[in-house]
Each structure stands twice: as structure tokens, then as C-alpha cells.
Amino acid sequence: MKTRKKELMNVASAELGTEPIFVTDEFFAGCTRMLQSTQPEWRDEYDNHGHWMDGWETRRRRDDGNDYCILKLGQVSKILEVEVDTSYFKGNYPPSVSVKGCYAPDVTNDEIISNQNNFEWIT
């Protein structure tokens, strides 16, 4: 199968201005770490949250809920492909991932956060 990665832009990159506007949990590693355009890396060091991780890491949930974040992309984009890389997440990676998006150019971040159910989210 041919890959199109060289043709596609990482629109979730912090360098393009993508930023998290809502996160349910960032206990072990902040959401902004998953927005880096670099290859996954392993560091044998610790920070205020425990072992350093190069991606977003939450606490393991003990209920039926899901952790999620809302990202505001740095530019209007058409999403063709999503890559989720958990290379160095040993034992605490998610069993599944889903991605949803909405087009809401004329609303504030606070409006999106407080009225999440009023938008047409496309899986």
C-alpha cells in the first residue's frame, strides 16, 4: 500500500498554532506534548508528573467515561488521515481512540467548551 505521508501536512502541529482548549485530565503528561512534530522519543527522566512521556497521558479511569481533549487547529483543514503513535507508552496506552471534528469558525473557545453538544461533530 502506498503511503501519502509526504504529501500530507500535520495540521495538529503546535508549530501551525494548534492548541488544546479543553482537556479532561493531564495528570501524567500534558496534552501539548502530543502536538509536537518530532518523532517519538524516550527519556529516562522524571518531571512533576512522574516519568517523562512525549505524549498526552491521563490517569487510568475507574468509571465508564472517557478522557478527551478538544484541539483548536491552527488552520482550517480537511482531515484525510489520523496517526496515533503510542511507541513508548508501555502498559498505559488507550485500548482504542476515536477522533471527531467540527467546523466552528465564528465561535469562541469558551462557547465550544460550554456547548459541546450543540455542534455537529463528525467522526
PDB file of N, CA and C in Angstrom:
ATOM      1  N   MET A   1       0.849  -1.182   0.000  1.00  0.00           N
ATOM      2  CA  MET A   1       0.000   0.000   0.000  1.00  0.00           C
ATOM      3  C   MET A   1       0.891   1.241   0.000  1.00  0.00           C
ATOM      4  N   LYS A   2       0.604   2.195  -0.856  1.00  0.00           N
ATOM      5  CA  LYS A   2       1.372   3.434  -0.927  1.00  0.00           C
ATOM      6  C   LYS A   2       0.992   4.364   0.210  1.00  0.00           C
ATOM      7  N   THR A   3       1.981   5.006   0.767  1.00  0.00           N
ATOM      8  CA  THR A   3       1.699   5.984   1.810  1.00  0.00           C
ATOM      9  C   THR A   3       1.702   7.384   1.209  1.00  0.00           C
ATOM     10  N   ARG A   4       0.887   8.255   1.766  1.00  0.00           N
ATOM     11  CA  ARG A   4       0.808   9.631   1.287  1.00  0.00           C
ATOM     12  C   ARG A   4       1.385  10.590   2.305  1.00  0.00           C
ATOM     13  N   LYS A   5       2.108  10.081   3.291  1.00  0.00           N
ATOM     14  CA  LYS A   5       2.587  10.925   4.379  1.00  0.00           C
ATOM     15  C   LYS A   5       3.390  12.118   3.894  1.00  0.00           C
ATOM     16  N   LYS A   6       4.176  11.945   2.837  1.00  0.00           N
ATOM     17  CA  LYS A   6       4.987  13.058   2.341  1.00  0.00           C
ATOM     18  C   LYS A   6       4.111  14.158   1.743  1.00  0.00           C
ATOM     19  N   GLU A   7       2.920  13.805   1.323  1.00  0.00           N
ATOM     20  CA  GLU A   7       2.008  14.776   0.735  1.00  0.00           C
ATOM     21  C   GLU A   7       1.148  15.473   1.778  1.00  0.00           C
ATOM     22  N   LEU A   8       0.983  14.863   2.944  1.00  0.00           N
ATOM     23  CA  LEU A   8       0.072  15.384   3.952  1.00  0.00           C
ATOM     24  C   LEU A   8       0.793  16.264   4.958  1.00  0.00           C
ATOM     25  N   MET A   9       0.099  17.264   5.455  1.00  0.00           N
ATOM     26  CA  MET A   9       0.631  18.175   6.465  1.00  0.00           C
ATOM     27  C   MET A   9       0.084  17.780   7.825  1.00  0.00           C
ATOM     28  N   ASN A  10       0.898  17.904   8.846  1.00  0.00           N
ATOM     29  CA  ASN A  10       0.466  17.634  10.208  1.00  0.00           C
ATOM     30  C   ASN A  10      -0.287  18.864  10.717  1.00  0.00           C
ATOM     31  N   VAL A  11      -1.596  18.881  10.546  1.00  0.00           N
ATOM     32  CA  VAL A  11      -2.392  20.048  10.940  1.00  0.00           C
ATOM     33  C   VAL A  11      -2.611  20.114  12.449  1.00  0.00           C
ATOM     34  N   ALA A  12      -2.225  19.061  13.173  1.00  0.00           N
ATOM     35  CA  ALA A  12      -2.317  19.084  14.632  1.00  0.00           C
ATOM     36  C   ALA A  12      -1.004  19.549  15.259  1.00  0.00           C
ATOM     37  N   SER A  13      -0.161  20.156  14.481  1.00  0.00           N
ATOM     38  CA  SER A  13       1.147  20.597  14.956  1.00  0.00           C
ATOM     39  C   SER A  13       1.051  21.915  15.719  1.00  0.00           C
ATOM     40  N   ALA A  14       1.756  21.980  16.841  1.00  0.00           N
ATOM     41  CA  ALA A  14       1.814  23.225  17.611  1.00  0.00           C
ATOM     42  C   ALA A  14       2.471  24.333  16.787  1.00  0.00           C
ATOM     43  N   GLU A  15       3.378  23.964  15.894  1.00  0.00           N
ATOM     44  CA  GLU A  15       4.050  24.955  15.054  1.00  0.00           C
ATOM     45  C   GLU A  15       3.072  25.697  14.137  1.00  0.00           C
ATOM     46  N   LEU A  16       1.943  25.071  13.803  1.00  0.00           N
ATOM     47  CA  LEU A  16       0.923  25.726  12.974  1.00  0.00           C
ATOM     48  C   LEU A  16      -0.076  26.522  13.817  1.00  0.00           C
ATOM     49  N   GLY A  17       0.082  26.442  15.137  1.00  0.00           N
ATOM     50  CA  GLY A  17      -0.820  27.171  16.018  1.00  0.00           C
ATOM     51  C   GLY A  17      -1.900  26.318  16.645  1.00  0.00           C
ATOM     52  N   THR A  18      -1.877  25.011  16.419  1.00  0.00           N
ATOM     53  CA  THR A  18      -2.852  24.133  17.057  1.00  0.00           C
ATOM     54  C   THR A  18      -2.623  24.148  18.555  1.00  0.00           C
ATOM     55  N   GLU A  19      -3.733  24.231  19.297  1.00  0.00           N
ATOM     56  CA  GLU A  19      -3.620  24.283  20.751  1.00  0.00           C
ATOM     57  C   GLU A  19      -4.806  23.588  21.403  1.00  0.00           C
ATOM     58  N   PRO A  20      -4.570  23.005  22.575  1.00  0.00           N
ATOM     59  CA  PRO A  20      -5.688  22.418  23.307  1.00  0.00           C
ATOM     60  C   PRO A  20      -6.511  23.534  23.957  1.00  0.00           C
ATOM     61  N   ILE A  21      -7.845  23.416  23.854  1.00  0.00           N
ATOM     62  CA  ILE A  21      -8.704  24.397  24.529  1.00  0.00           C
ATOM     63  C   ILE A  21      -9.487  23.756  25.668  1.00  0.00           C
ATOM     64  N   PHE A  22      -9.478  22.413  25.720  1.00  0.00           N
ATOM     65  CA  PHE A  22     -10.116  21.702  26.828  1.00  0.00           C
ATOM     66  C   PHE A  22      -9.473  20.327  26.967  1.00  0.00           C
ATOM     67  N   VAL A  23      -9.205  19.917  28.204  1.00  0.00           N
ATOM     68  CA  VAL A  23      -8.616  18.611  28.483  1.00  0.00           C
ATOM     69  C   VAL A  23      -9.257  18.069  29.758  1.00  0.00           C
ATOM     70  N   THR A  24      -9.685  16.821  29.730  1.00  0.00           N
ATOM     71  CA  THR A  24     -10.309  16.245  30.920  1.00  0.00           C
ATOM     72  C   THR A  24      -9.304  15.899  31.998  1.00  0.00           C
ATOM     73  N   ASP A  25      -8.068  15.537  31.607  1.00  0.00           N
ATOM     74  CA  ASP A  25      -7.068  15.128  32.590  1.00  0.00           C
ATOM     75  C   ASP A  25      -5.680  15.226  31.959  1.00  0.00           C
ATOM     76  N   GLU A  26      -4.715  15.716  32.730  1.00  0.00           N
ATOM     77  CA  GLU A  26      -3.322  15.772  32.278  1.00  0.00           C
ATOM     78  C   GLU A  26      -2.401  15.362  33.422  1.00  0.00           C
ATOM     79  N   PHE A  27      -2.821  14.368  34.169  1.00  0.00           N
ATOM     80  CA  PHE A  27      -2.122  14.010  35.390  1.00  0.00           C
ATOM     81  C   PHE A  27      -0.663  13.603  35.138  1.00  0.00           C
ATOM     82  N   PHE A  28      -0.421  12.768  34.122  1.00  0.00           N
ATOM     83  CA  PHE A  28       0.931  12.264  33.879  1.00  0.00           C
ATOM     84  C   PHE A  28       1.692  13.047  32.813  1.00  0.00           C
ATOM     85  N   ALA A  29       1.011  13.558  31.815  1.00  0.00           N
ATOM     86  CA  ALA A  29       1.696  14.332  30.768  1.00  0.00           C
ATOM     87  C   ALA A  29       0.694  15.240  30.084  1.00  0.00           C
ATOM     88  N   GLY A  30       1.115  16.458  29.835  1.00  0.00           N
ATOM     89  CA  GLY A  30       0.243  17.462  29.243  1.00  0.00           C
ATOM     90  C   GLY A  30      -0.131  17.179  27.797  1.00  0.00           C
ATOM     91  N   CYS A  31      -1.296  17.627  27.418  1.00  0.00           N
ATOM     92  CA  CYS A  31      -1.847  17.428  26.081  1.00  0.00           C
ATOM     93  C   CYS A  31      -0.966  18.064  24.996  1.00  0.00           C
ATOM     94  N   THR A  32      -0.295  19.152  25.323  1.00  0.00           N
ATOM     95  CA  THR A  32       0.524  19.827  24.304  1.00  0.00           C
ATOM     96  C   THR A  32       1.668  18.947  23.820  1.00  0.00           C
ATOM     97  N   ARG A  33       2.059  17.973  24.614  1.00  0.00           N
ATOM     98  CA  ARG A  33       3.156  17.094  24.189  1.00  0.00           C
ATOM     99  C   ARG A  33       2.793  16.251  22.972  1.00  0.00           C
ATOM    100  N   MET A  34       1.516  15.986  22.753  1.00  0.00           N
ATOM    101  CA  MET A  34       1.143  15.187  21.582  1.00  0.00           C
ATOM    102  C   MET A  34       1.071  16.035  20.317  1.00  0.00           C
ATOM    103  N   LEU A  35       1.298  17.336  20.435  1.00  0.00           N
ATOM    104  CA  LEU A  35       1.222  18.224  19.278  1.00  0.00           C
ATOM    105  C   LEU A  35       2.588  18.521  18.676  1.00  0.00           C
ATOM    106  N   GLN A  36       3.618  17.876  19.166  1.00  0.00           N
ATOM    107  CA  GLN A  36       4.963  18.105  18.640  1.00  0.00           C
ATOM    108  C   GLN A  36       5.128  17.370  17.312  1.00  0.00           C
ATOM    109  N   SER A  37       5.859  17.974  16.396  1.00  0.00           N
ATOM    110  CA  SER A  37       6.065  17.379  15.067  1.00  0.00           C
ATOM    111  C   SER A  37       7.263  16.445  15.007  1.00  0.00           C
ATOM    112  N   THR A  38       7.945  16.244  16.119  1.00  0.00           N
ATOM    113  CA  THR A  38       9.123  15.392  16.141  1.00  0.00           C
ATOM    114  C   THR A  38       8.737  13.923  16.268  1.00  0.00           C
ATOM    115  N   GLN A  39       9.686  13.049  15.990  1.00  0.00           N
ATOM    116  CA  GLN A  39       9.474  11.616  16.153  1.00  0.00           C
ATOM    117  C   GLN A  39       9.344  11.301  17.646  1.00  0.00           C
ATOM    118  N   PRO A  40       8.629  10.237  17.993  1.00  0.00           N
ATOM    119  CA  PRO A  40       8.517   9.853  19.404  1.00  0.00           C
ATOM    120  C   PRO A  40       9.905   9.636  20.004  1.00  0.00           C
ATOM    121  N   GLU A  41      10.047   9.996  21.274  1.00  0.00           N
ATOM    122  CA  GLU A  41      11.334   9.787  21.919  1.00  0.00           C
ATOM    123  C   GLU A  41      11.146   9.265  23.330  1.00  0.00           C
ATOM    124  N   TRP A  42      12.142   8.564  23.790  1.00  0.00           N
ATOM    125  CA  TRP A  42      12.174   8.025  25.145  1.00  0.00           C
ATOM    126  C   TRP A  42      13.192   8.823  25.938  1.00  0.00           C
ATOM    127  N   ARG A  43      12.801   9.290  27.099  1.00  0.00           N
ATOM    128  CA  ARG A  43      13.717   9.972  28.005  1.00  0.00           C
ATOM    129  C   ARG A  43      13.679   9.261  29.348  1.00  0.00           C
ATOM    130  N   ASP A  44      14.824   8.952  29.849  1.00  0.00           N
ATOM    131  CA  ASP A  44      14.898   8.315  31.160  1.00  0.00           C
ATOM    132  C   ASP A  44      15.038   9.404  32.216  1.00  0.00           C
ATOM    133  N   GLU A  45      13.975  10.198  32.345  1.00  0.00           N
ATOM    134  CA  GLU A  45      13.970  11.281  33.330  1.00  0.00           C
ATOM    135  C   GLU A  45      12.565  11.459  33.879  1.00  0.00           C
ATOM    136  N   TYR A  46      12.473  12.238  34.933  1.00  0.00           N
ATOM    137  CA  TYR A  46      11.203  12.449  35.617  1.00  0.00           C
ATOM    138  C   TYR A  46      10.901  13.938  35.709  1.00  0.00           C
ATOM    139  N   ASP A  47       9.619  14.256  35.703  1.00  0.00           N
ATOM    140  CA  ASP A  47       9.191  15.634  35.903  1.00  0.00           C
ATOM    141  C   ASP A  47       8.182  15.659  37.053  1.00  0.00           C
ATOM    142  N   ASN A  48       7.440  16.735  37.196  1.00  0.00           N
ATOM    143  CA  ASN A  48       6.482  16.867  38.301  1.00  0.00           C
ATOM    144  C   ASN A  48       5.354  15.834  38.265  1.00  0.00           C
ATOM    145  N   HIS A  49       5.171  15.176  37.119  1.00  0.00           N
ATOM    146  CA  HIS A  49       4.074  14.216  36.961  1.00  0.00           C
ATOM    147  C   HIS A  49       4.533  12.763  37.040  1.00  0.00           C
ATOM    148  N   GLY A  50       5.823  12.539  37.156  1.00  0.00           N
ATOM    149  CA  GLY A  50       6.346  11.172  37.159  1.00  0.00           C
ATOM    150  C   GLY A  50       7.288  10.989  35.993  1.00  0.00           C
ATOM    151  N   HIS A  51       7.340   9.770  35.459  1.00  0.00           N
ATOM    152  CA  HIS A  51       8.245   9.508  34.339  1.00  0.00           C
ATOM    153  C   HIS A  51       7.853  10.361  33.145  1.00  0.00           C
ATOM    154  N   TRP A  52       8.824  10.994  32.516  1.00  0.00           N
ATOM    155  CA  TRP A  52       8.568  11.875  31.384  1.00  0.00           C
ATOM    156  C   TRP A  52       8.029  11.085  30.196  1.00  0.00           C
ATOM    157  N   MET A  53       6.959  11.583  29.598  1.00  0.00           N
ATOM    158  CA  MET A  53       6.381  10.965  28.403  1.00  0.00           C
ATOM    159  C   MET A  53       6.263  12.036  27.324  1.00  0.00           C
ATOM    160  N   ASP A  54       6.420  11.641  26.073  1.00  0.00           N
ATOM    161  CA  ASP A  54       6.357  12.631  24.998  1.00  0.00           C
ATOM    162  C   ASP A  54       4.969  12.763  24.383  1.00  0.00           C
ATOM    163  N   GLY A  55       3.973  12.239  25.023  1.00  0.00           N
ATOM    164  CA  GLY A  55       2.597  12.357  24.556  1.00  0.00           C
ATOM    165  C   GLY A  55       1.683  12.672  25.714  1.00  0.00           C
ATOM    166  N   TRP A  56       0.408  12.802  25.422  1.00  0.00           N
ATOM    167  CA  TRP A  56      -0.600  13.101  26.444  1.00  0.00           C
ATOM    168  C   TRP A  56      -0.889  11.827  27.230  1.00  0.00           C
ATOM    169  N   GLU A  57      -0.831  11.905  28.540  1.00  0.00           N
ATOM    170  CA  GLU A  57      -1.124  10.729  29.359  1.00  0.00           C
ATOM    171  C   GLU A  57      -1.980  11.121  30.555  1.00  0.00           C
ATOM    172  N   THR A  58      -3.109  10.436  30.689  1.00  0.00           N
ATOM    173  CA  THR A  58      -4.053  10.697  31.776  1.00  0.00           C
ATOM    174  C   THR A  58      -3.975   9.567  32.797  1.00  0.00           C
ATOM    175  N   ARG A  59      -4.683   9.756  33.888  1.00  0.00           N
ATOM    176  CA  ARG A  59      -4.814   8.666  34.856  1.00  0.00           C
ATOM    177  C   ARG A  59      -5.717   7.593  34.268  1.00  0.00           C
ATOM    178  N   ARG A  60      -5.547   6.387  34.701  1.00  0.00           N
ATOM    179  CA  ARG A  60      -6.429   5.302  34.270  1.00  0.00           C
ATOM    180  C   ARG A  60      -7.788   5.526  34.900  1.00  0.00           C
ATOM    181  N   ARG A  61      -8.815   5.546  34.092  1.00  0.00           N
ATOM    182  CA  ARG A  61     -10.172   5.805  34.600  1.00  0.00           C
ATOM    183  C   ARG A  61     -10.717   4.575  35.290  1.00  0.00           C
ATOM    184  N   ARG A  62     -11.501   4.815  36.319  1.00  0.00           N
ATOM    185  CA  ARG A  62     -12.124   3.733  37.087  1.00  0.00           C
ATOM    186  C   ARG A  62     -13.635   3.716  36.881  1.00  0.00           C
ATOM    187  N   ASP A  63     -14.101   4.489  35.902  1.00  0.00           N
ATOM    188  CA  ASP A  63     -15.527   4.525  35.601  1.00  0.00           C
ATOM    189  C   ASP A  63     -15.711   4.233  34.110  1.00  0.00           C
ATOM    190  N   ASP A  64     -16.918   4.430  33.623  1.00  0.00           N
ATOM    191  CA  ASP A  64     -17.209   4.133  32.220  1.00  0.00           C
ATOM    192  C   ASP A  64     -16.934   5.316  31.292  1.00  0.00           C
ATOM    193  N   GLY A  65     -16.408   6.403  31.813  1.00  0.00           N
ATOM    194  CA  GLY A  65     -16.175   7.583  30.995  1.00  0.00           C
ATOM    195  C   GLY A  65     -14.917   7.488  30.149  1.00  0.00           C
ATOM    196  N   ASN A  66     -14.699   8.515  29.374  1.00  0.00           N
ATOM    197  CA  ASN A  66     -13.524   8.610  28.516  1.00  0.00           C
ATOM    198  C   ASN A  66     -12.827   9.934  28.762  1.00  0.00           C
ATOM    199  N   ASP A  67     -11.516   9.913  28.712  1.00  0.00           N
ATOM    200  CA  ASP A  67     -10.780  11.162  28.716  1.00  0.00           C
ATOM    201  C   ASP A  67     -10.738  11.678  27.293  1.00  0.00           C
ATOM    202  N   TYR A  68     -10.783  12.983  27.157  1.00  0.00           N
ATOM    203  CA  TYR A  68     -10.716  13.569  25.821  1.00  0.00           C
ATOM    204  C   TYR A  68     -10.168  14.980  25.909  1.00  0.00           C
ATOM    205  N   CYS A  69      -9.768  15.452  24.775  1.00  0.00           N
ATOM    206  CA  CYS A  69      -9.328  16.840  24.688  1.00  0.00           C
ATOM    207  C   CYS A  69      -9.974  17.455  23.452  1.00  0.00           C
ATOM    208  N   ILE A  70     -10.105  18.754  23.482  1.00  0.00           N
ATOM    209  CA  ILE A  70     -10.579  19.488  22.313  1.00  0.00           C
ATOM    210  C   ILE A  70      -9.413  20.344  21.841  1.00  0.00           C
ATOM    211  N   LEU A  71      -9.037  20.135  20.597  1.00  0.00           N
ATOM    212  CA  LEU A  71      -7.953  20.899  19.996  1.00  0.00           C
ATOM    213  C   LEU A  71      -8.526  21.908  19.022  1.00  0.00           C
ATOM    214  N   LYS A  72      -7.973  23.089  19.036  1.00  0.00           N
ATOM    215  CA  LYS A  72      -8.307  24.084  18.025  1.00  0.00           C
ATOM    216  C   LYS A  72      -7.159  24.065  17.030  1.00  0.00           C
ATOM    217  N   LEU A  73      -7.459  23.626  15.805  1.00  0.00           N
ATOM    218  CA  LEU A  73      -6.418  23.550  14.792  1.00  0.00           C
ATOM    219  C   LEU A  73      -5.934  24.940  14.416  1.00  0.00           C
ATOM    220  N   GLY A  74      -4.685  25.021  14.051  1.00  0.00           N
ATOM    221  CA  GLY A  74      -4.080  26.298  13.694  1.00  0.00           C
ATOM    222  C   GLY A  74      -4.582  26.862  12.384  1.00  0.00           C
ATOM    223  N   GLN A  75      -5.215  26.033  11.575  1.00  0.00           N
ATOM    224  CA  GLN A  75      -5.797  26.497  10.318  1.00  0.00           C
ATOM    225  C   GLN A  75      -6.953  25.580   9.929  1.00  0.00           C
ATOM    226  N   VAL A  76      -7.841  26.088   9.102  1.00  0.00           N
ATOM    227  CA  VAL A  76      -8.957  25.287   8.605  1.00  0.00           C
ATOM    228  C   VAL A  76      -8.364  24.159   7.775  1.00  0.00           C
ATOM    229  N   SER A  77      -8.828  22.945   8.008  1.00  0.00           N
ATOM    230  CA  SER A  77      -8.220  21.781   7.374  1.00  0.00           C
ATOM    231  C   SER A  77      -9.259  20.735   7.010  1.00  0.00           C
ATOM    232  N   LYS A  78      -8.930  19.950   6.032  1.00  0.00           N
ATOM    233  CA  LYS A  78      -9.704  18.753   5.707  1.00  0.00           C
ATOM    234  C   LYS A  78      -8.863  17.576   6.181  1.00  0.00           C
ATOM    235  N   ILE A  79      -9.387  16.803   7.120  1.00  0.00           N
ATOM    236  CA  ILE A  79      -8.644  15.702   7.711  1.00  0.00           C
ATOM    237  C   ILE A  79      -8.797  14.468   6.814  1.00  0.00           C
ATOM    238  N   LEU A  80      -7.673  13.964   6.325  1.00  0.00           N
ATOM    239  CA  LEU A  80      -7.680  12.782   5.469  1.00  0.00           C
ATOM    240  C   LEU A  80      -7.178  11.540   6.184  1.00  0.00           C
ATOM    241  N   GLU A  81      -6.348  11.734   7.180  1.00  0.00           N
ATOM    242  CA  GLU A  81      -5.710  10.609   7.851  1.00  0.00           C
ATOM    243  C   GLU A  81      -5.344  11.034   9.267  1.00  0.00           C
ATOM    244  N   VAL A  82      -5.421  10.113  10.197  1.00  0.00           N
ATOM    245  CA  VAL A  82      -5.030  10.380  11.580  1.00  0.00           C
ATOM    246  C   VAL A  82      -4.043   9.294  11.998  1.00  0.00           C
ATOM    247  N   GLU A  83      -2.933   9.721  12.580  1.00  0.00           N
ATOM    248  CA  GLU A  83      -1.953   8.774  13.092  1.00  0.00           C
ATOM    249  C   GLU A  83      -1.855   8.951  14.604  1.00  0.00           C
ATOM    250  N   VAL A  84      -2.021   7.853  15.331  1.00  0.00           N
ATOM    251  CA  VAL A  84      -1.881   7.852  16.782  1.00  0.00           C
ATOM    252  C   VAL A  84      -0.702   6.944  17.091  1.00  0.00           C
ATOM    253  N   ASP A  85       0.364   7.519  17.628  1.00  0.00           N
ATOM    254  CA  ASP A  85       1.586   6.769  17.894  1.00  0.00           C
ATOM    255  C   ASP A  85       1.793   6.661  19.399  1.00  0.00           C
ATOM    256  N   THR A  86       1.753   5.448  19.902  1.00  0.00           N
ATOM    257  CA  THR A  86       1.951   5.207  21.336  1.00  0.00           C
ATOM    258  C   THR A  86       3.246   4.414  21.551  1.00  0.00           C
ATOM    259  N   SER A  87       4.264   4.732  20.783  1.00  0.00           N
ATOM    260  CA  SER A  87       5.518   3.962  20.784  1.00  0.00           C
ATOM    261  C   SER A  87       6.074   3.670  22.163  1.00  0.00           C
ATOM    262  N   TYR A  88       6.126   4.650  23.030  1.00  0.00           N
ATOM    263  CA  TYR A  88       6.769   4.459  24.325  1.00  0.00           C
ATOM    264  C   TYR A  88       5.786   4.412  25.489  1.00  0.00           C
ATOM    265  N   PHE A  89       4.527   4.245  25.192  1.00  0.00           N
ATOM    266  CA  PHE A  89       3.524   4.096  26.241  1.00  0.00           C
ATOM    267  C   PHE A  89       3.396   2.611  26.540  1.00  0.00           C
ATOM    268  N   LYS A  90       4.103   2.159  27.521  1.00  0.00           N
ATOM    269  CA  LYS A  90       4.134   0.736  27.866  1.00  0.00           C
ATOM    270  C   LYS A  90       3.148   0.458  28.995  1.00  0.00           C
ATOM    271  N   GLY A  91       2.034  -0.158  28.687  1.00  0.00           N
ATOM    272  CA  GLY A  91       1.084  -0.570  29.704  1.00  0.00           C
ATOM    273  C   GLY A  91       0.020   0.456  30.044  1.00  0.00           C
ATOM    274  N   ASN A  92       0.152   1.686  29.597  1.00  0.00           N
ATOM    275  CA  ASN A  92      -0.852   2.693  29.920  1.00  0.00           C
ATOM    276  C   ASN A  92      -1.344   3.400  28.659  1.00  0.00           C
ATOM    277  N   TYR A  93      -1.341   2.694  27.559  1.00  0.00           N
ATOM    278  CA  TYR A  93      -1.855   3.264  26.320  1.00  0.00           C
ATOM    279  C   TYR A  93      -3.352   2.976  26.216  1.00  0.00           C
ATOM    280  N   PRO A  94      -4.070   3.772  25.454  1.00  0.00           N
ATOM    281  CA  PRO A  94      -5.520   3.556  25.353  1.00  0.00           C
ATOM    282  C   PRO A  94      -5.837   2.304  24.538  1.00  0.00           C
ATOM    283  N   PRO A  95      -6.858   1.556  24.920  1.00  0.00           N
ATOM    284  CA  PRO A  95      -7.248   0.384  24.146  1.00  0.00           C
ATOM    285  C   PRO A  95      -7.879   0.761  22.806  1.00  0.00           C
ATOM    286  N   SER A  96      -8.371   1.992  22.710  1.00  0.00           N
ATOM    287  CA  SER A  96      -8.937   2.475  21.449  1.00  0.00           C
ATOM    288  C   SER A  96      -8.916   3.999  21.456  1.00  0.00           C
ATOM    289  N   VAL A  97      -9.057   4.556  20.274  1.00  0.00           N
ATOM    290  CA  VAL A  97      -9.048   6.005  20.104  1.00  0.00           C
ATOM    291  C   VAL A  97     -10.122   6.362  19.090  1.00  0.00           C
ATOM    292  N   SER A  98     -10.801   7.449  19.315  1.00  0.00           N
ATOM    293  CA  SER A  98     -11.697   7.982  18.294  1.00  0.00           C
ATOM    294  C   SER A  98     -11.387   9.460  18.123  1.00  0.00           C
ATOM    295  N   VAL A  99     -11.620   9.950  16.937  1.00  0.00           N
ATOM    296  CA  VAL A  99     -11.354  11.347  16.628  1.00  0.00           C
ATOM    297  C   VAL A  99     -12.613  11.938  15.997  1.00  0.00           C
ATOM    298  N   LYS A 100     -13.019  13.085  16.508  1.00  0.00           N
ATOM    299  CA  LYS A 100     -14.166  13.797  15.962  1.00  0.00           C
ATOM    300  C   LYS A 100     -13.743  15.225  15.683  1.00  0.00           C
ATOM    301  N   GLY A 101     -14.387  15.838  14.732  1.00  0.00           N
ATOM    302  CA  GLY A 101     -14.083  17.226  14.413  1.00  0.00           C
ATOM    303  C   GLY A 101     -15.341  17.993  14.096  1.00  0.00           C
ATOM    304  N   CYS A 102     -15.249  19.312  14.218  1.00  0.00           N
ATOM    305  CA  CYS A 102     -16.363  20.170  13.828  1.00  0.00           C
ATOM    306  C   CYS A 102     -15.796  21.453  13.233  1.00  0.00           C
ATOM    307  N   TYR A 103     -16.582  22.085  12.424  1.00  0.00           N
ATOM    308  CA  TYR A 103     -16.211  23.359  11.824  1.00  0.00           C
ATOM    309  C   TYR A 103     -16.996  24.437  12.556  1.00  0.00           C
ATOM    310  N   ALA A 104     -16.281  25.265  13.304  1.00  0.00           N
ATOM    311  CA  ALA A 104     -16.930  26.306  14.107  1.00  0.00           C
ATOM    312  C   ALA A 104     -16.066  27.568  14.099  1.00  0.00           C
ATOM    313  N   PRO A 105     -15.972  28.234  12.955  1.00  0.00           N
ATOM    314  CA  PRO A 105     -15.045  29.364  12.831  1.00  0.00           C
ATOM    315  C   PRO A 105     -15.454  30.632  13.570  1.00  0.00           C
ATOM    316  N   ASP A 106     -16.730  30.808  13.832  1.00  0.00           N
ATOM    317  CA  ASP A 106     -17.198  32.078  14.394  1.00  0.00           C
ATOM    318  C   ASP A 106     -17.597  31.992  15.860  1.00  0.00           C
ATOM    319  N   VAL A 107     -17.067  31.011  16.578  1.00  0.00           N
ATOM    320  CA  VAL A 107     -17.388  30.886  17.996  1.00  0.00           C
ATOM    321  C   VAL A 107     -16.096  30.944  18.813  1.00  0.00           C
ATOM    322  N   THR A 108     -16.243  31.335  20.049  1.00  0.00           N
ATOM    323  CA  THR A 108     -15.080  31.412  20.927  1.00  0.00           C
ATOM    324  C   THR A 108     -14.764  30.033  21.502  1.00  0.00           C
ATOM    325  N   ASN A 109     -13.569  29.897  22.025  1.00  0.00           N
ATOM    326  CA  ASN A 109     -13.194  28.641  22.687  1.00  0.00           C
ATOM    327  C   ASN A 109     -14.140  28.330  23.835  1.00  0.00           C
ATOM    328  N   ASP A 110     -14.500  29.346  24.618  1.00  0.00           N
ATOM    329  CA  ASP A 110     -15.417  29.135  25.741  1.00  0.00           C
ATOM    330  C   ASP A 110     -16.778  28.633  25.279  1.00  0.00           C
ATOM    331  N   GLU A 111     -17.264  29.128  24.140  1.00  0.00           N
ATOM    332  CA  GLU A 111     -18.552  28.666  23.610  1.00  0.00           C
ATOM    333  C   GLU A 111     -18.482  27.202  23.199  1.00  0.00           C
ATOM    334  N   ILE A 112     -17.370  26.802  22.607  1.00  0.00           N
ATOM    335  CA  ILE A 112     -17.212  25.396  22.215  1.00  0.00           C
ATOM    336  C   ILE A 112     -17.178  24.515  23.458  1.00  0.00           C
ATOM    337  N   ILE A 113     -16.422  24.929  24.455  1.00  0.00           N
ATOM    338  CA  ILE A 113     -16.287  24.131  25.679  1.00  0.00           C
ATOM    339  C   ILE A 113     -17.623  23.999  26.398  1.00  0.00           C
ATOM    340  N   SER A 114     -18.343  25.099  26.558  1.00  0.00           N
ATOM    341  CA  SER A 114     -19.584  25.061  27.330  1.00  0.00           C
ATOM    342  C   SER A 114     -20.774  24.513  26.549  1.00  0.00           C
ATOM    343  N   ASN A 115     -20.684  24.460  25.226  1.00  0.00           N
ATOM    344  CA  ASN A 115     -21.804  23.983  24.402  1.00  0.00           C
ATOM    345  C   ASN A 115     -21.384  22.850  23.471  1.00  0.00           C
ATOM    346  N   GLN A 116     -20.557  21.945  23.956  1.00  0.00           N
ATOM    347  CA  GLN A 116     -20.008  20.882  23.105  1.00  0.00           C
ATOM    348  C   GLN A 116     -21.075  20.090  22.371  1.00  0.00           C
ATOM    349  N   ASN A 117     -22.187  19.843  23.020  1.00  0.00           N
ATOM    350  CA  ASN A 117     -23.246  19.026  22.421  1.00  0.00           C
ATOM    351  C   ASN A 117     -24.052  19.764  21.367  1.00  0.00           C
ATOM    352  N   ASN A 118     -23.854  21.065  21.217  1.00  0.00           N
ATOM    353  CA  ASN A 118     -24.614  21.833  20.235  1.00  0.00           C
ATOM    354  C   ASN A 118     -23.925  21.922  18.885  1.00  0.00           C
ATOM    355  N   PHE A 119     -22.792  21.259  18.725  1.00  0.00           N
ATOM    356  CA  PHE A 119     -22.070  21.304  17.461  1.00  0.00           C
ATOM    357  C   PHE A 119     -22.196  19.976  16.733  1.00  0.00           C
ATOM    358  N   GLU A 120     -22.084  20.031  15.415  1.00  0.00           N
ATOM    359  CA  GLU A 120     -22.123  18.813  14.608  1.00  0.00           C
ATOM    360  C   GLU A 120     -20.718  18.229  14.551  1.00  0.00           C
ATOM    361  N   TRP A 121     -20.461  17.247  15.389  1.00  0.00           N
ATOM    362  CA  TRP A 121     -19.160  16.570  15.443  1.00  0.00           C
ATOM    363  C   TRP A 121     -19.168  15.414  14.465  1.00  0.00           C
ATOM    364  N   ILE A 122     -18.184  15.377  13.596  1.00  0.00           N
ATOM    365  CA  ILE A 122     -18.083  14.332  12.575  1.00  0.00           C
ATOM    366  C   ILE A 122     -16.963  13.381  12.971  1.00  0.00           C
ATOM    367  N   THR A 123     -17.261  12.087  13.013  1.00  0.00           N
ATOM    368  CA  THR A 123     -16.248  11.087  13.367  1.00  0.00           C
ATOM    369  C   THR A 123     -15.324  10.836  12.190  1.00  0.00           C
TER     370      THR A 123
END
